[in-house]
């Protein structure tokens, strides 16, 4: 595919990184020389320095021949104008990132469709969606849906008391041969490992499992985790994300929201009817103790300040909250924070990236379905071609790259966890989890 990406910030860069690994023809446009240099030096893409809303720059990028134009700058107005220009020039499909959610309300005067936009991404909405999923899975550091939610990837930190510590993948699979789950990757000392059958679990590992939704309780029991129901949450920060989470959950959970701006706190209190809004500093230990944070199920730090989110998250974790969710904009911090074991880490930038990739992959096979910054593994959907190597023998007899693993098999819409004895046919679709260095060799196994 030919894809033009306007905006080489965190979102544009990571989308370009994921898509360029799939041999797509990628052109990136950005007005910032530093961002252009980063993209040029780090990615296999064409880079054009200039205004992404300029017809001349768009023509130079051949948007008229583009399958997708992704308008991902930080400025809504630039994204709208760039979308309109790309549409006029003949681009096939256009995706735009818009921070102002009023553009997509029913009573909006300016509709995205008028600019030729096929799909709108709201970063704060995407982050809210991920955080709400985590709140409902308080034992997890990450929750990602696949196959319309029928399969889930769950990230879980392995505690010292966990029954799986010191055991191999083969040993824990043999305990209950009827219970099917997949182990996608394990983070240890900041590095991602794709675990094969002889991999031994250690405490402080963060393991990522793929499992059918109805089998989550059995997985938690196996790991020695209690899958308790979430009843109360504390949100720090009345940002767009904080407000959205409160609105989403206030009718089903006990929700408290803390903000250090008195006027904003008063305004939020008038808007959120079922949420208790408090004016205060989320890094104030006495305030957190007074709010009995040790009895809360989740503490969610989503202020506009990364430092405040990190510090308050550390305090909440130390004071005994069951689950901590921290929002970070700087994606480079995410693996480090997860390695420390503070809890779940969310980035609206990466949430936006994954929403874009899922939209593209829904119409294109062999595109990355999801990419992660905290784990060096991408999820790719593949279909075997007639006569391909993966259709000639069971999976255990095929030499897969070490940094890859087949996770889920979709056979005529019937889902199953891949096993060594599984044999693929040309009618199957599979979700494969792989590091970028293994993708090329992996794909060759599915080609005739």
Protein backbone atom coordinates (compact mmCIF):
# COMPACT_ATOMS: atom_id res chain seq x y z
CA UNK A 1 0.00 0.00 0.00
CA UNK A 2 0.97 3.62 -0.50
CA UNK A 3 0.46 5.56 2.74
CA UNK A 4 1.11 9.25 3.40
CA UNK A 5 1.50 10.31 7.04
CA UNK A 6 1.19 13.99 7.88
CA UNK A 7 2.82 14.68 11.23
CA UNK A 8 5.94 12.91 12.54
CA UNK A 9 5.32 13.36 16.26
CA UNK A 10 4.94 10.41 18.64
CA UNK A 11 1.79 9.12 16.93
CA UNK A 12 2.96 9.62 13.35
CA UNK A 13 6.40 8.17 14.08
CA UNK A 14 5.08 4.99 15.69
CA UNK A 15 2.45 4.44 12.99
CA UNK A 16 5.14 4.86 10.34
CA UNK A 17 7.43 2.49 12.23
CA UNK A 18 4.78 -0.25 12.41
CA UNK A 19 3.65 0.09 8.81
CA UNK A 20 7.12 0.44 7.28
CA UNK A 21 8.04 -2.99 8.68
CA UNK A 22 5.33 -4.45 6.44
CA UNK A 23 6.97 -3.24 3.20
CA UNK A 24 4.38 -0.55 2.58
CA UNK A 25 5.37 2.55 0.61
CA UNK A 26 5.41 5.22 3.34
CA UNK A 27 5.89 8.98 2.94
CA UNK A 28 6.06 11.22 6.03
CA UNK A 29 5.51 15.00 5.97
CA UNK A 30 6.35 17.31 8.87
CA UNK A 31 7.24 20.97 9.22
CA UNK A 32 9.68 20.34 12.11
CA UNK A 33 13.28 19.64 10.92
CA UNK A 34 14.11 17.67 14.10
CA UNK A 35 11.13 15.33 13.65
CA UNK A 36 11.99 14.87 9.98
CA UNK A 37 15.57 13.98 10.90
CA UNK A 38 14.40 11.43 13.47
CA UNK A 39 12.09 9.76 10.95
CA UNK A 40 14.70 9.82 8.19
CA UNK A 41 17.42 8.29 10.38
CA UNK A 42 15.24 5.71 12.14
CA UNK A 43 12.72 4.53 9.56
CA UNK A 44 12.65 3.17 6.03
CA UNK A 45 10.38 5.94 4.75
CA UNK A 46 10.46 8.93 2.41
CA UNK A 47 10.51 12.18 4.40
CA UNK A 48 9.32 15.56 3.13
CA UNK A 49 10.02 18.61 5.28
CA UNK A 50 7.25 21.16 4.99
CA UNK A 51 3.66 22.10 5.75
CA UNK A 52 1.46 19.01 5.56
CA UNK A 53 -1.55 21.10 4.54
CA UNK A 54 0.26 22.55 1.53
CA UNK A 55 -1.12 21.30 -1.84
CA UNK A 56 2.41 21.41 -3.28
CA UNK A 57 3.82 19.17 -0.53
CA UNK A 58 0.86 16.81 -0.79
CA UNK A 59 1.32 16.54 -4.55
CA UNK A 60 5.03 15.84 -4.04
CA UNK A 61 4.02 13.02 -1.69
CA UNK A 62 1.70 11.62 -4.40
CA UNK A 63 -1.40 11.67 -2.20
CA UNK A 64 -3.44 11.30 -5.37
CA UNK A 65 -2.18 7.72 -5.53
CA UNK A 66 -2.35 7.05 -1.78
CA UNK A 67 -4.41 4.20 -0.36
CA UNK A 68 -4.41 6.00 2.99
CA UNK A 69 -3.59 9.53 4.10
CA UNK A 70 -3.13 9.83 7.88
CA UNK A 71 -3.44 13.39 9.22
CA UNK A 72 -1.80 13.14 12.63
CA UNK A 73 -0.40 16.54 13.59
CA UNK A 74 -1.16 17.99 17.03
CA UNK A 75 -3.29 20.77 15.50
CA UNK A 76 -6.88 19.89 14.58
CA UNK A 77 -7.20 22.68 12.04
CA UNK A 78 -4.09 21.53 10.16
CA UNK A 79 -5.44 17.97 10.11
CA UNK A 80 -8.81 19.16 8.76
CA UNK A 81 -7.27 21.28 6.01
CA UNK A 82 -4.77 18.57 5.09
CA UNK A 83 -7.65 16.07 4.90
CA UNK A 84 -9.63 18.35 2.62
CA UNK A 85 -6.64 18.94 0.33
CA UNK A 86 -5.83 15.22 0.17
CA UNK A 87 -9.45 14.42 -0.62
CA UNK A 88 -9.53 16.99 -3.43
CA UNK A 89 -6.32 15.53 -4.86
CA UNK A 90 -7.87 12.05 -4.97
CA UNK A 91 -6.62 10.11 -1.92
CA UNK A 92 -8.52 6.85 -1.40
CA UNK A 93 -9.10 6.90 2.38
CA UNK A 94 -8.31 9.53 5.01
CA UNK A 95 -7.85 9.11 8.77
CA UNK A 96 -7.59 12.21 10.96
CA UNK A 97 -6.62 12.71 14.58
CA UNK A 98 -8.86 15.33 16.19
CA UNK A 99 -8.45 16.34 19.82
CA UNK A 100 -11.62 18.47 19.92
CA UNK A 101 -14.45 15.99 20.38
CA UNK A 102 -17.06 18.61 19.45
CA UNK A 103 -16.31 17.98 15.77
CA UNK A 104 -18.03 14.59 16.00
CA UNK A 105 -21.08 15.49 18.07
CA UNK A 106 -24.50 15.29 16.42
CA UNK A 107 -25.02 19.07 16.58
CA UNK A 108 -21.57 19.92 15.20
CA UNK A 109 -21.65 22.62 12.52
CA UNK A 110 -18.46 21.33 10.89
CA UNK A 111 -18.62 17.61 10.15
CA UNK A 112 -15.41 15.60 9.40
CA UNK A 113 -17.14 14.04 6.38
CA UNK A 114 -17.19 17.45 4.71
CA UNK A 115 -13.38 17.30 4.70
CA UNK A 116 -13.34 13.85 3.10
CA UNK A 117 -12.40 12.11 6.37
CA UNK A 118 -13.32 8.42 6.52
CA UNK A 119 -12.30 7.76 10.12
CA UNK A 120 -11.71 10.09 13.10
CA UNK A 121 -9.49 9.24 16.07
CA UNK A 122 -9.92 11.08 19.38
CA UNK A 123 -6.73 10.38 21.45
CA UNK A 124 -8.36 11.00 24.83
CA UNK A 125 -11.29 8.72 23.95
CA UNK A 126 -8.91 5.94 22.94
CA UNK A 127 -6.95 6.28 26.22
CA UNK A 128 -10.20 6.34 28.21
CA UNK A 129 -11.35 3.15 26.48
CA UNK A 130 -8.12 1.35 27.45
CA UNK A 131 -8.20 2.58 31.04
CA UNK A 132 -11.83 1.50 31.52
CA UNK A 133 -10.85 -2.00 30.35
CA UNK A 134 -8.01 -2.05 32.87
CA UNK A 135 -10.31 -0.91 35.68
CA UNK A 136 -12.50 -3.93 34.98
CA UNK A 137 -9.38 -6.14 35.14
CA UNK A 138 -7.62 -4.79 38.23
CA UNK A 139 -5.13 -7.69 38.27
CA UNK A 140 -3.73 -6.72 34.84
CA UNK A 141 -1.07 -4.31 33.59
CA UNK A 142 -2.51 -4.44 30.07
CA UNK A 143 -5.71 -5.63 28.39
CA UNK A 144 -6.03 -5.84 24.60
CA UNK A 145 -9.01 -7.26 22.74
CA UNK A 146 -8.73 -9.39 19.62
CA UNK A 147 -11.32 -10.99 17.39
CA UNK A 148 -14.09 -8.58 18.44
CA UNK A 149 -13.34 -9.10 22.13
CA UNK A 150 -13.63 -12.90 22.08
CA UNK A 151 -9.91 -13.21 22.73
CA UNK A 152 -7.93 -11.03 25.12
CA UNK A 153 -4.25 -10.46 25.73
CA UNK A 154 -3.68 -9.90 29.44
CA UNK A 155 -0.43 -8.62 30.92
CA UNK A 156 0.16 -9.83 34.49
CA UNK A 157 3.09 -9.23 36.83
CA UNK A 158 4.29 -12.50 38.38
CA UNK A 159 4.55 -12.26 42.18
CA UNK A 160 6.90 -14.29 44.41
CA UNK A 161 3.96 -16.31 45.70
CA UNK A 162 2.72 -17.25 42.22
CA UNK A 163 2.49 -21.03 41.61
CA UNK A 164 4.18 -20.61 38.19
CA UNK A 165 7.49 -19.27 39.59
CA UNK A 166 10.31 -21.70 38.79
CA UNK A 167 8.21 -23.71 36.35
CA UNK A 168 8.58 -24.00 32.59
CA UNK A 169 5.87 -23.18 30.08
CA UNK A 170 5.55 -26.91 29.37
CA UNK A 171 5.06 -27.73 33.05
CA UNK A 172 2.27 -25.22 33.63
CA UNK A 173 0.54 -26.27 30.42
CA UNK A 174 0.68 -29.93 31.52
CA UNK A 175 -1.06 -29.19 34.85
CA UNK A 176 -4.39 -28.82 33.08
CA UNK A 177 -4.23 -30.03 29.51
CA UNK A 178 -7.88 -29.07 28.96
CA UNK A 179 -7.29 -25.40 29.77
CA UNK A 180 -6.00 -23.63 26.68
CA UNK A 181 -4.07 -20.38 26.79
CA UNK A 182 -1.08 -18.92 24.98
CA UNK A 183 1.95 -17.11 26.37
CA UNK A 184 2.85 -14.35 23.96
CA UNK A 185 5.84 -12.64 25.53
CA UNK A 186 7.53 -12.09 28.89
CA UNK A 187 9.26 -8.91 30.02
CA UNK A 188 12.31 -9.58 32.19
CA UNK A 189 14.86 -6.92 33.16
CA UNK A 190 13.44 -4.60 30.52
CA UNK A 191 13.78 -7.11 27.66
CA UNK A 192 11.03 -8.91 25.74
CA UNK A 193 11.32 -12.71 25.48
CA UNK A 194 9.07 -14.85 23.28
CA UNK A 195 8.74 -17.91 25.55
CA UNK A 196 9.00 -21.41 24.15
CA UNK A 197 8.18 -24.59 26.08
CA UNK A 198 11.42 -24.65 28.13
CA UNK A 199 11.15 -21.02 29.30
CA UNK A 200 11.23 -20.80 33.13
CA UNK A 201 9.12 -18.15 34.91
CA UNK A 202 10.68 -15.94 37.55
CA UNK A 203 9.09 -13.55 40.05
CA UNK A 204 8.92 -9.92 38.86
CA UNK A 205 8.40 -11.12 35.26
CA UNK A 206 5.53 -9.44 33.44
CA UNK A 207 3.91 -12.12 31.29
CA UNK A 208 1.42 -11.53 28.47
CA UNK A 209 -1.16 -14.28 27.98
CA UNK A 210 -3.68 -14.76 25.18
CA UNK A 211 -6.86 -16.41 26.37
CA UNK A 212 -10.55 -16.73 25.56
CA UNK A 213 -12.59 -14.20 27.53
CA UNK A 214 -14.56 -16.86 29.40
CA UNK A 215 -11.33 -18.48 30.67
CA UNK A 216 -9.89 -15.40 32.41
CA UNK A 217 -10.83 -16.61 35.89
CA UNK A 218 -9.07 -19.94 35.32
CA UNK A 219 -5.94 -18.10 34.13
CA UNK A 220 -5.90 -15.87 37.23
CA UNK A 221 -6.33 -18.92 39.47
CA UNK A 222 -3.37 -20.58 37.76
CA UNK A 223 -1.24 -17.47 38.40
CA UNK A 224 -2.34 -17.16 42.02
CA UNK A 225 -4.18 -13.90 41.38
CA UNK A 226 -7.58 -13.01 42.79
CA UNK A 227 -9.94 -11.80 40.06
CA UNK A 228 -11.88 -9.44 42.34
CA UNK A 229 -14.66 -7.13 41.21
CA UNK A 230 -13.78 -3.43 41.03
CA UNK A 231 -16.04 -1.29 43.20
CA UNK A 232 -14.23 2.00 43.85
CA UNK A 233 -11.73 4.15 41.95
CA UNK A 234 -9.86 7.39 42.56
CA UNK A 235 -9.03 9.55 39.53
CA UNK A 236 -6.31 12.18 39.81
CA UNK A 237 -6.75 14.95 37.26
CA UNK A 238 -9.79 16.57 35.70
CA UNK A 239 -8.25 16.39 32.22
CA UNK A 240 -10.25 15.24 29.19
CA UNK A 241 -9.23 11.68 30.01
CA UNK A 242 -10.13 12.02 33.69
CA UNK A 243 -13.55 13.49 32.92
CA UNK A 244 -14.26 10.83 30.30
CA UNK A 245 -13.39 8.01 32.73
CA UNK A 246 -15.60 9.51 35.43
CA UNK A 247 -18.52 9.90 33.01
CA UNK A 248 -18.07 6.33 31.80
CA UNK A 249 -17.92 4.71 35.24
CA UNK A 250 -19.76 6.94 37.73
CA UNK A 251 -23.07 5.11 37.35
CA UNK A 252 -21.59 1.69 38.12
CA UNK A 253 -18.70 2.38 40.53
CA UNK A 254 -17.87 4.59 43.50
CA UNK A 255 -15.83 7.31 41.75
CA UNK A 256 -13.77 10.06 43.38
CA UNK A 257 -11.90 12.66 41.31
CA UNK A 258 -9.14 14.93 42.67
CA UNK A 259 -7.97 18.12 40.95
CA UNK A 260 -5.64 20.84 42.25
CA UNK A 261 -7.44 23.68 40.45
CA UNK A 262 -10.32 24.91 42.63
CA UNK A 263 -12.32 26.47 39.78
CA UNK A 264 -11.98 23.36 37.65
CA UNK A 265 -12.95 21.15 40.61
CA UNK A 266 -16.09 23.22 41.17
CA UNK A 267 -16.96 23.07 37.46
CA UNK A 268 -16.40 19.29 37.40
CA UNK A 269 -18.59 18.86 40.48
CA UNK A 270 -21.45 20.59 38.62
CA UNK A 271 -21.01 18.34 35.57
CA UNK A 272 -20.39 14.94 37.19
CA UNK A 273 -23.54 14.16 39.15
CA UNK A 274 -22.48 10.80 40.60
CA UNK A 275 -18.77 11.55 41.12
CA UNK A 276 -17.34 12.97 44.35
CA UNK A 277 -15.00 15.78 43.24
CA UNK A 278 -12.27 16.92 45.64
CA UNK A 279 -9.97 19.92 45.45
CA UNK A 280 -6.48 18.87 46.47
CA UNK A 281 -2.95 17.80 45.57
CA UNK A 282 -2.70 14.17 44.49
CA UNK A 283 0.89 14.01 45.74
CA UNK A 284 -0.20 14.95 49.28
CA UNK A 285 0.29 11.78 51.32
CA UNK A 286 -2.08 12.95 54.07
CA UNK A 287 -4.85 13.58 51.51
CA UNK A 288 -4.39 10.12 50.00
CA UNK A 289 -4.46 8.53 53.45
CA UNK A 290 -7.55 10.55 54.40
CA UNK A 291 -9.29 9.18 51.31
CA UNK A 292 -8.44 5.62 52.44
CA UNK A 293 -6.54 4.93 49.25
CA UNK A 294 -5.51 1.51 50.55
CA UNK A 295 -9.17 0.47 50.30
CA UNK A 296 -9.62 1.70 46.72
CA UNK A 297 -9.51 -0.82 43.88
CA UNK A 298 -7.88 1.52 41.35
CA UNK A 299 -5.91 4.78 41.41
CA UNK A 300 -5.77 6.46 37.99
CA UNK A 301 -3.30 9.32 37.47
CA UNK A 302 -4.22 11.29 34.34
CA UNK A 303 -3.15 14.89 35.01
CA UNK A 304 -1.44 16.93 32.28
CA UNK A 305 1.86 16.53 34.19
CA UNK A 306 3.84 13.31 33.71
CA UNK A 307 5.86 14.01 36.85
CA UNK A 308 2.70 14.36 38.93
CA UNK A 309 1.31 11.13 37.46
CA UNK A 310 4.51 9.24 38.21
CA UNK A 311 4.94 10.56 41.75
CA UNK A 312 1.30 10.12 42.74
CA UNK A 313 1.29 6.64 41.22
CA UNK A 314 4.35 5.67 43.28
CA UNK A 315 2.70 7.02 46.45
CA UNK A 316 -0.59 5.23 45.75
CA UNK A 317 1.24 1.97 45.06
CA UNK A 318 3.24 2.33 48.29
CA UNK A 319 0.10 3.11 50.31
CA UNK A 320 -1.51 -0.13 49.19
CA UNK A 321 -4.01 0.59 46.39
CA UNK A 322 -4.87 -2.62 44.54
CA UNK A 323 -4.24 -1.23 41.04
CA UNK A 324 -2.37 1.81 39.76
CA UNK A 325 -2.87 3.19 36.24
CA UNK A 326 -0.48 5.95 35.13
CA UNK A 327 -0.83 8.03 31.98
CA UNK A 328 2.40 9.05 30.24
CA UNK A 329 2.91 11.01 27.03
CA UNK A 330 6.60 10.11 26.68
CA UNK A 331 6.52 6.55 25.38
CA UNK A 332 10.20 5.99 26.23
CA UNK A 333 9.26 5.98 29.93
CA UNK A 334 6.70 3.20 29.59
CA UNK A 335 8.99 0.11 29.66
CA UNK A 336 10.95 1.53 32.61
CA UNK A 337 7.86 2.22 34.70
CA UNK A 338 6.50 -1.26 33.97
CA UNK A 339 9.83 -2.82 34.89
CA UNK A 340 9.71 -1.08 38.27
CA UNK A 341 6.32 -2.70 38.78
CA UNK A 342 4.22 0.35 39.64
CA UNK A 343 1.22 -0.93 37.72
CA UNK A 344 -0.35 -0.32 34.34
CA UNK A 345 0.96 2.41 32.05
CA UNK A 346 -1.18 4.05 29.38
CA UNK A 347 -0.25 6.50 26.64
CA UNK A 348 -2.93 8.24 24.61
CA UNK A 349 -0.38 8.37 21.80
CA UNK A 350 0.02 4.58 21.68
CA UNK A 351 -3.74 4.12 22.10
CA UNK A 352 -4.18 6.31 19.02
CA UNK A 353 -1.52 4.36 17.10
CA UNK A 354 -3.25 1.05 17.78
CA UNK A 355 -6.66 2.41 16.82
CA UNK A 356 -5.22 3.52 13.47
CA UNK A 357 -3.50 0.18 12.85
CA UNK A 358 -6.68 -1.75 13.65
CA UNK A 359 -8.68 0.38 11.22
CA UNK A 360 -6.15 -0.23 8.45
CA UNK A 361 -5.78 -3.94 9.22
CA UNK A 362 -9.57 -4.41 9.08
CA UNK A 363 -9.39 -3.94 5.30
CA UNK A 364 -5.90 -5.27 4.65
CA UNK A 365 -4.50 -8.69 5.48
CA UNK A 366 -0.94 -8.97 6.72
CA UNK A 367 -0.93 -5.56 8.36
CA UNK A 368 0.02 -5.08 12.01
CA UNK A 369 -3.13 -5.36 14.12
CA UNK A 370 -1.50 -3.90 17.21
CA UNK A 371 1.90 -2.55 18.15
CA UNK A 372 3.23 -1.93 21.65
CA UNK A 373 5.90 0.37 22.94
CA UNK A 374 6.35 -1.32 26.32
CA UNK A 375 6.88 -4.74 24.71
CA UNK A 376 8.95 -5.21 21.58
CA UNK A 377 6.33 -7.42 19.93
CA UNK A 378 3.80 -6.68 17.20
CA UNK A 379 0.60 -8.59 16.45
CA UNK A 380 0.13 -9.52 12.79
CA UNK A 381 -2.75 -11.31 11.09
CA UNK A 382 -1.63 -13.80 8.43
CA UNK A 383 -3.36 -16.26 6.13
CA UNK A 384 -1.46 -19.23 4.67
CA UNK A 385 -1.15 -19.31 0.90
CA UNK A 386 -1.74 -22.58 -1.00
CA UNK A 387 1.39 -24.73 -0.79
CA UNK A 388 2.99 -22.60 1.95
CA UNK A 389 5.31 -24.30 4.45
CA UNK A 390 2.96 -23.75 7.42
CA UNK A 391 0.29 -25.94 5.79
CA UNK A 392 2.57 -28.94 5.29
CA UNK A 393 3.02 -30.08 8.91
CA UNK A 394 1.91 -29.46 12.52
CA UNK A 395 3.26 -26.23 14.01
CA UNK A 396 5.73 -28.11 16.24
CA UNK A 397 7.46 -29.52 13.14
CA UNK A 398 7.89 -26.14 11.44
CA UNK A 399 10.98 -24.08 12.17
CA UNK A 400 9.60 -20.72 13.23
CA UNK A 401 11.91 -17.79 14.01
CA UNK A 402 12.79 -17.79 17.72
CA UNK A 403 11.27 -14.34 18.26
CA UNK A 404 7.82 -15.32 17.01
CA UNK A 405 4.89 -17.42 18.10
CA UNK A 406 1.51 -18.33 16.61
CA UNK A 407 -1.12 -17.29 19.15
CA UNK A 408 -4.67 -17.66 17.81
CA UNK A 409 -6.17 -19.66 14.95
CA UNK A 410 -9.43 -18.53 13.37
CA UNK A 411 -10.91 -21.42 11.39
CA UNK A 412 -14.27 -20.49 9.84
CA UNK A 413 -14.82 -18.02 12.71
CA UNK A 414 -14.11 -20.69 15.33
CA UNK A 415 -11.27 -19.50 17.58
CA UNK A 416 -8.64 -21.70 19.19
CA UNK A 417 -5.32 -21.22 20.95
CA UNK A 418 -2.48 -22.52 18.77
CA UNK A 419 -0.72 -25.65 20.00
CA UNK A 420 2.22 -27.67 18.71
CA UNK A 421 -0.15 -30.25 17.27
CA UNK A 422 -2.20 -27.62 15.42
CA UNK A 423 -2.01 -27.74 11.63
CA UNK A 424 -3.01 -24.79 9.49
CA UNK A 425 -4.99 -24.79 6.26
CA UNK A 426 -5.37 -22.12 3.59
CA UNK A 427 -8.83 -21.35 5.01
CA UNK A 428 -7.40 -20.30 8.39
CA UNK A 429 -6.41 -16.88 9.67
CA UNK A 430 -3.90 -16.62 12.47
CA UNK A 431 -2.71 -13.96 14.88
CA UNK A 432 1.06 -14.11 15.13
CA UNK A 433 3.10 -12.35 17.82
CA UNK A 434 6.61 -11.44 16.68
CA UNK A 435 9.53 -9.10 17.15
CA UNK A 436 10.24 -6.91 14.13
CA UNK A 437 13.44 -8.80 13.27
CA UNK A 438 11.44 -12.01 12.82
CA UNK A 439 8.60 -10.67 10.66
CA UNK A 440 10.22 -11.15 7.24
CA UNK A 441 11.26 -14.77 7.87
CA UNK A 442 7.91 -15.48 9.51
CA UNK A 443 5.92 -14.19 6.54
CA UNK A 444 7.94 -16.38 4.14
CA UNK A 445 6.55 -19.46 5.92
CA UNK A 446 3.02 -18.36 4.99
CA UNK A 447 3.88 -17.65 1.34
CA UNK A 448 3.78 -20.22 -1.46
